PDB file of all heavy atoms in Angstrom:
ATOM      1  N   VAL A   1       6.912 -26.304 -17.742  1.00  0.00           N
ATOM      2  CA  VAL A   1       6.093 -26.598 -16.586  1.00  0.00           C
ATOM      3  C   VAL A   1       5.795 -28.087 -16.572  1.00  0.00           C
ATOM      4  O   VAL A   1       5.367 -28.658 -17.580  1.00  0.00           O
ATOM      5  CB  VAL A   1       4.772 -25.808 -16.596  1.00  0.00           C
ATOM      6  CG1 VAL A   1       3.882 -26.247 -15.437  1.00  0.00           C
ATOM      7  CG2 VAL A   1       5.048 -24.312 -16.516  1.00  0.00           C
ATOM      8  N   GLN A   2       6.021 -28.696 -15.434  1.00  0.00           N
ATOM      9  CA  GLN A   2       5.648 -30.082 -15.221  1.00  0.00           C
ATOM     10  C   GLN A   2       4.533 -30.129 -14.191  1.00  0.00           C
ATOM     11  O   GLN A   2       4.626 -29.498 -13.142  1.00  0.00           O
ATOM     12  CB  GLN A   2       6.834 -30.904 -14.730  1.00  0.00           C
ATOM     13  CG  GLN A   2       8.030 -30.925 -15.674  1.00  0.00           C
ATOM     14  CD  GLN A   2       7.776 -31.762 -16.904  1.00  0.00           C
ATOM     15  OE1 GLN A   2       6.956 -32.681 -16.889  1.00  0.00           O
ATOM     16  NE2 GLN A   2       8.486 -31.447 -17.978  1.00  0.00           N
ATOM     17  N   LEU A   3       3.494 -30.884 -14.494  1.00  0.00           N
ATOM     18  CA  LEU A   3       2.367 -31.053 -13.595  1.00  0.00           C
ATOM     19  C   LEU A   3       2.276 -32.508 -13.178  1.00  0.00           C
ATOM     20  O   LEU A   3       2.331 -33.400 -14.029  1.00  0.00           O
ATOM     21  CB  LEU A   3       1.057 -30.637 -14.271  1.00  0.00           C
ATOM     22  CG  LEU A   3       0.975 -29.204 -14.800  1.00  0.00           C
ATOM     23  CD1 LEU A   3      -0.356 -28.993 -15.523  1.00  0.00           C
ATOM     24  CD2 LEU A   3       1.113 -28.206 -13.658  1.00  0.00           C
ATOM     25  N   VAL A   4       2.131 -32.737 -11.895  1.00  0.00           N
ATOM     26  CA  VAL A   4       2.050 -34.090 -11.368  1.00  0.00           C
ATOM     27  C   VAL A   4       0.835 -34.205 -10.468  1.00  0.00           C
ATOM     28  O   VAL A   4       0.730 -33.494  -9.466  1.00  0.00           O
ATOM     29  CB  VAL A   4       3.320 -34.479 -10.596  1.00  0.00           C
ATOM     30  CG1 VAL A   4       3.187 -35.895 -10.041  1.00  0.00           C
ATOM     31  CG2 VAL A   4       4.543 -34.382 -11.493  1.00  0.00           C
ATOM     32  N   GLU A   5      -0.067 -35.116 -10.821  1.00  0.00           N
ATOM     33  CA  GLU A   5      -1.262 -35.353 -10.032  1.00  0.00           C
ATOM     34  C   GLU A   5      -1.017 -36.450  -9.005  1.00  0.00           C
ATOM     35  O   GLU A   5      -0.183 -37.336  -9.206  1.00  0.00           O
ATOM     36  CB  GLU A   5      -2.439 -35.779 -10.922  1.00  0.00           C
ATOM     37  CG  GLU A   5      -2.800 -34.815 -12.029  1.00  0.00           C
ATOM     38  CD  GLU A   5      -2.159 -35.185 -13.345  1.00  0.00           C
ATOM     39  OE1 GLU A   5      -1.133 -35.904 -13.342  1.00  0.00           O
ATOM     40  OE2 GLU A   5      -2.678 -34.760 -14.389  1.00  0.00           O
ATOM     41  N   SER A   6      -1.785 -36.401  -7.945  1.00  0.00           N
ATOM     42  CA  SER A   6      -1.763 -37.453  -6.948  1.00  0.00           C
ATOM     43  C   SER A   6      -3.113 -37.488  -6.250  1.00  0.00           C
ATOM     44  O   SER A   6      -3.899 -36.547  -6.346  1.00  0.00           O
ATOM     45  CB  SER A   6      -0.640 -37.242  -5.930  1.00  0.00           C
ATOM     46  OG  SER A   6      -0.839 -36.051  -5.191  1.00  0.00           O
ATOM     47  N   GLY A   7      -3.371 -38.568  -5.547  1.00  0.00           N
ATOM     48  CA  GLY A   7      -4.562 -38.670  -4.734  1.00  0.00           C
ATOM     49  C   GLY A   7      -5.643 -39.582  -5.265  1.00  0.00           C
ATOM     50  O   GLY A   7      -6.652 -39.802  -4.579  1.00  0.00           O
ATOM     51  N   GLY A   8      -5.475 -40.102  -6.456  1.00  0.00           N
ATOM     52  CA  GLY A   8      -6.463 -41.014  -6.996  1.00  0.00           C
ATOM     53  C   GLY A   8      -6.452 -42.342  -6.267  1.00  0.00           C
ATOM     54  O   GLY A   8      -5.570 -42.634  -5.468  1.00  0.00           O
ATOM     55  N   GLY A   9      -7.454 -43.145  -6.553  1.00  0.00           N
ATOM     56  CA  GLY A   9      -7.541 -44.442  -5.923  1.00  0.00           C
ATOM     57  C   GLY A   9      -8.839 -45.132  -6.238  1.00  0.00           C
ATOM     58  O   GLY A   9      -9.649 -44.654  -7.037  1.00  0.00           O
ATOM     59  N   LEU A  10      -9.023 -46.272  -5.612  1.00  0.00           N
ATOM     60  CA  LEU A  10     -10.232 -47.073  -5.758  1.00  0.00           C
ATOM     61  C   LEU A  10     -11.065 -46.921  -4.502  1.00  0.00           C
ATOM     62  O   LEU A  10     -10.606 -47.252  -3.402  1.00  0.00           O
ATOM     63  CB  LEU A  10      -9.869 -48.542  -5.995  1.00  0.00           C
ATOM     64  CG  LEU A  10     -11.018 -49.544  -6.015  1.00  0.00           C
ATOM     65  CD1 LEU A  10     -11.984 -49.225  -7.146  1.00  0.00           C
ATOM     66  CD2 LEU A  10     -10.473 -50.961  -6.151  1.00  0.00           C
ATOM     67  N   VAL A  11     -12.281 -46.418  -4.663  1.00  0.00           N
ATOM     68  CA  VAL A  11     -13.161 -46.189  -3.529  1.00  0.00           C
ATOM     69  C   VAL A  11     -14.563 -46.665  -3.868  1.00  0.00           C
ATOM     70  O   VAL A  11     -14.902 -46.909  -5.030  1.00  0.00           O
ATOM     71  CB  VAL A  11     -13.208 -44.708  -3.112  1.00  0.00           C
ATOM     72  CG1 VAL A  11     -11.828 -44.220  -2.693  1.00  0.00           C
ATOM     73  CG2 VAL A  11     -13.756 -43.850  -4.249  1.00  0.00           C
ATOM     74  N   GLN A  12     -15.380 -46.772  -2.844  1.00  0.00           N
ATOM     75  CA  GLN A  12     -16.775 -47.131  -3.034  1.00  0.00           C
ATOM     76  C   GLN A  12     -17.625 -45.887  -3.239  1.00  0.00           C
ATOM     77  O   GLN A  12     -17.258 -44.782  -2.838  1.00  0.00           O
ATOM     78  CB  GLN A  12     -17.287 -47.919  -1.838  1.00  0.00           C
ATOM     79  CG  GLN A  12     -16.663 -49.299  -1.690  1.00  0.00           C
ATOM     80  CD  GLN A  12     -17.279 -50.095  -0.566  1.00  0.00           C
ATOM     81  OE1 GLN A  12     -17.560 -49.557   0.505  1.00  0.00           O
ATOM     82  NE2 GLN A  12     -17.494 -51.375  -0.802  1.00  0.00           N
ATOM     83  N   ALA A  13     -18.756 -46.073  -3.862  1.00  0.00           N
ATOM     84  CA  ALA A  13     -19.683 -44.975  -4.073  1.00  0.00           C
ATOM     85  C   ALA A  13     -20.010 -44.289  -2.750  1.00  0.00           C
ATOM     86  O   ALA A  13     -20.204 -44.943  -1.724  1.00  0.00           O
ATOM     87  CB  ALA A  13     -20.955 -45.476  -4.738  1.00  0.00           C
ATOM     88  N   GLY A  14     -20.048 -42.968  -2.795  1.00  0.00           N
ATOM     89  CA  GLY A  14     -20.311 -42.184  -1.608  1.00  0.00           C
ATOM     90  C   GLY A  14     -19.062 -41.718  -0.893  1.00  0.00           C
ATOM     91  O   GLY A  14     -19.152 -40.847  -0.011  1.00  0.00           O
ATOM     92  N   ALA A  15     -17.925 -42.256  -1.254  1.00  0.00           N
ATOM     93  CA  ALA A  15     -16.675 -41.893  -0.613  1.00  0.00           C
ATOM     94  C   ALA A  15     -16.155 -40.563  -1.139  1.00  0.00           C
ATOM     95  O   ALA A  15     -16.711 -39.972  -2.067  1.00  0.00           O
ATOM     96  CB  ALA A  15     -15.637 -42.991  -0.822  1.00  0.00           C
ATOM     97  N   SER A  16     -15.064 -40.123  -0.541  1.00  0.00           N
ATOM     98  CA  SER A  16     -14.431 -38.866  -0.924  1.00  0.00           C
ATOM     99  C   SER A  16     -12.972 -39.094  -1.279  1.00  0.00           C
ATOM    100  O   SER A  16     -12.321 -40.000  -0.756  1.00  0.00           O
ATOM    101  CB  SER A  16     -14.513 -37.851   0.220  1.00  0.00           C
ATOM    102  OG  SER A  16     -15.851 -37.545   0.552  1.00  0.00           O
ATOM    103  N   LEU A  17     -12.476 -38.261  -2.158  1.00  0.00           N
ATOM    104  CA  LEU A  17     -11.071 -38.240  -2.509  1.00  0.00           C
ATOM    105  C   LEU A  17     -10.642 -36.799  -2.703  1.00  0.00           C
ATOM    106  O   LEU A  17     -11.441 -35.962  -3.116  1.00  0.00           O
ATOM    107  CB  LEU A  17     -10.787 -39.008  -3.798  1.00  0.00           C
ATOM    108  CG  LEU A  17     -10.758 -40.533  -3.755  1.00  0.00           C
ATOM    109  CD1 LEU A  17     -10.641 -41.081  -5.174  1.00  0.00           C
ATOM    110  CD2 LEU A  17      -9.606 -41.031  -2.904  1.00  0.00           C
ATOM    111  N   ARG A  18      -9.393 -36.542  -2.428  1.00  0.00           N
ATOM    112  CA  ARG A  18      -8.813 -35.232  -2.662  1.00  0.00           C
ATOM    113  C   ARG A  18      -7.644 -35.386  -3.620  1.00  0.00           C
ATOM    114  O   ARG A  18      -6.641 -36.018  -3.275  1.00  0.00           O
ATOM    115  CB  ARG A  18      -8.336 -34.604  -1.357  1.00  0.00           C
ATOM    116  CG  ARG A  18      -7.696 -33.217  -1.506  1.00  0.00           C
ATOM    117  CD  ARG A  18      -7.243 -32.702  -0.141  1.00  0.00           C
ATOM    118  NE  ARG A  18      -6.497 -31.456  -0.207  1.00  0.00           N
ATOM    119  CZ  ARG A  18      -7.044 -30.250  -0.133  1.00  0.00           C
ATOM    120  NH1 ARG A  18      -8.352 -30.109   0.001  1.00  0.00           N
ATOM    121  NH2 ARG A  18      -6.264 -29.165  -0.183  1.00  0.00           N
ATOM    122  N   LEU A  19      -7.794 -34.836  -4.799  1.00  0.00           N
ATOM    123  CA  LEU A  19      -6.730 -34.856  -5.781  1.00  0.00           C
ATOM    124  C   LEU A  19      -5.873 -33.615  -5.649  1.00  0.00           C
ATOM    125  O   LEU A  19      -6.375 -32.527  -5.376  1.00  0.00           O
ATOM    126  CB  LEU A  19      -7.292 -34.926  -7.200  1.00  0.00           C
ATOM    127  CG  LEU A  19      -8.260 -36.067  -7.520  1.00  0.00           C
ATOM    128  CD1 LEU A  19      -8.641 -36.023  -8.991  1.00  0.00           C
ATOM    129  CD2 LEU A  19      -7.659 -37.411  -7.151  1.00  0.00           C
ATOM    130  N   SER A  20      -4.594 -33.789  -5.856  1.00  0.00           N
ATOM    131  CA  SER A  20      -3.662 -32.677  -5.843  1.00  0.00           C
ATOM    132  C   SER A  20      -2.877 -32.667  -7.140  1.00  0.00           C
ATOM    133  O   SER A  20      -2.630 -33.717  -7.736  1.00  0.00           O
ATOM    134  CB  SER A  20      -2.686 -32.784  -4.666  1.00  0.00           C
ATOM    135  OG  SER A  20      -3.360 -32.758  -3.431  1.00  0.00           O
ATOM    136  N   CYS A  21      -2.491 -31.501  -7.562  1.00  0.00           N
ATOM    137  CA  CYS A  21      -1.648 -31.348  -8.734  1.00  0.00           C
ATOM    138  C   CYS A  21      -0.647 -30.252  -8.441  1.00  0.00           C
ATOM    139  O   CYS A  21      -1.027 -29.101  -8.211  1.00  0.00           O
ATOM    140  CB  CYS A  21      -2.487 -31.002  -9.965  1.00  0.00           C
ATOM    141  SG  CYS A  21      -1.521 -30.587 -11.432  1.00  0.00           S
ATOM    142  N   THR A  22       0.608 -30.616  -8.452  1.00  0.00           N
ATOM    143  CA  THR A  22       1.671 -29.667  -8.152  1.00  0.00           C
ATOM    144  C   THR A  22       2.493 -29.390  -9.398  1.00  0.00           C
ATOM    145  O   THR A  22       2.909 -30.322 -10.096  1.00  0.00           O
ATOM    146  CB  THR A  22       2.570 -30.197  -7.032  1.00  0.00           C
ATOM    147  OG1 THR A  22       1.798 -30.354  -5.836  1.00  0.00           O
ATOM    148  CG2 THR A  22       3.702 -29.218  -6.751  1.00  0.00           C
ATOM    149  N   ALA A  23       2.715 -28.126  -9.659  1.00  0.00           N
ATOM    150  CA  ALA A  23       3.515 -27.704 -10.796  1.00  0.00           C
ATOM    151  C   ALA A  23       4.945 -27.460 -10.365  1.00  0.00           C
ATOM    152  O   ALA A  23       5.211 -26.981  -9.258  1.00  0.00           O
ATOM    153  CB  ALA A  23       2.936 -26.436 -11.418  1.00  0.00           C
ATOM    154  N   SER A  24       5.851 -27.771 -11.258  1.00  0.00           N
ATOM    155  CA  SER A  24       7.259 -27.484 -11.029  1.00  0.00           C
ATOM    156  C   SER A  24       7.858 -26.896 -12.296  1.00  0.00           C
ATOM    157  O   SER A  24       7.275 -26.987 -13.371  1.00  0.00           O
ATOM    158  CB  SER A  24       8.020 -28.742 -10.608  1.00  0.00           C
ATOM    159  OG  SER A  24       7.965 -29.735 -11.616  1.00  0.00           O
ATOM    160  N   GLY A  25       9.005 -26.306 -12.169  1.00  0.00           N
ATOM    161  CA  GLY A  25       9.668 -25.689 -13.303  1.00  0.00           C
ATOM    162  C   GLY A  25       9.484 -24.189 -13.359  1.00  0.00           C
ATOM    163  O   GLY A  25      10.419 -23.461 -13.719  1.00  0.00           O
ATOM    164  N   ARG A  26       8.314 -23.745 -13.037  1.00  0.00           N
ATOM    165  CA  ARG A  26       8.013 -22.325 -12.968  1.00  0.00           C
ATOM    166  C   ARG A  26       6.695 -22.134 -12.240  1.00  0.00           C
ATOM    167  O   ARG A  26       5.921 -23.080 -12.071  1.00  0.00           O
ATOM    168  CB  ARG A  26       7.957 -21.684 -14.347  1.00  0.00           C
ATOM    169  CG  ARG A  26       6.917 -22.280 -15.279  1.00  0.00           C
ATOM    170  CD  ARG A  26       6.564 -21.327 -16.396  1.00  0.00           C
ATOM    171  NE  ARG A  26       5.863 -20.152 -15.885  1.00  0.00           N
ATOM    172  CZ  ARG A  26       5.468 -19.126 -16.618  1.00  0.00           C
ATOM    173  NH1 ARG A  26       5.720 -19.117 -17.917  1.00  0.00           N
ATOM    174  NH2 ARG A  26       4.821 -18.111 -16.064  1.00  0.00           N
ATOM    175  N   SER A  27       6.431 -20.925 -11.860  1.00  0.00           N
ATOM    176  CA  SER A  27       5.186 -20.606 -11.198  1.00  0.00           C
ATOM    177  C   SER A  27       4.030 -20.629 -12.196  1.00  0.00           C
ATOM    178  O   SER A  27       4.164 -20.172 -13.329  1.00  0.00           O
ATOM    179  CB  SER A  27       5.267 -19.231 -10.548  1.00  0.00           C
ATOM    180  OG  SER A  27       4.010 -18.833 -10.043  1.00  0.00           O
ATOM    181  N   VAL A  28       2.902 -21.165 -11.756  1.00  0.00           N
ATOM    182  CA  VAL A  28       1.687 -21.126 -12.568  1.00  0.00           C
ATOM    183  C   VAL A  28       0.644 -20.230 -11.921  1.00  0.00           C
ATOM    184  O   VAL A  28      -0.546 -20.353 -12.197  1.00  0.00           O
ATOM    185  CB  VAL A  28       1.119 -22.543 -12.807  1.00  0.00           C
ATOM    186  CG1 VAL A  28       2.052 -23.339 -13.691  1.00  0.00           C
ATOM    187  CG2 VAL A  28       0.860 -23.266 -11.486  1.00  0.00           C
ATOM    188  N   SER A  29       1.095 -19.318 -11.096  1.00  0.00           N
ATOM    189  CA  SER A  29       0.168 -18.438 -10.408  1.00  0.00           C
ATOM    190  C   SER A  29      -0.620 -17.556 -11.367  1.00  0.00           C
ATOM    191  O   SER A  29      -1.717 -17.106 -11.031  1.00  0.00           O
ATOM    192  CB  SER A  29       0.913 -17.565  -9.384  1.00  0.00           C
ATOM    193  OG  SER A  29       1.876 -16.738 -10.019  1.00  0.00           O
ATOM    194  N   GLY A  30      -0.078 -17.310 -12.545  1.00  0.00           N
ATOM    195  CA  GLY A  30      -0.774 -16.509 -13.531  1.00  0.00           C
ATOM    196  C   GLY A  30      -1.656 -17.297 -14.484  1.00  0.00           C
ATOM    197  O   GLY A  30      -2.265 -16.708 -15.382  1.00  0.00           O
TER     198      GLY A  30
END
C-alpha cells in the first residue's frame, strides 16, 4: 500500500485547509 498526502500549505491563523490522502496498490477499505 502506498499512501500519498496532499493539500498542505502555508496559511494564516483562522484559515482552512483540506488534506487528502489517497492509497494505491490495494484497497484500504478494511
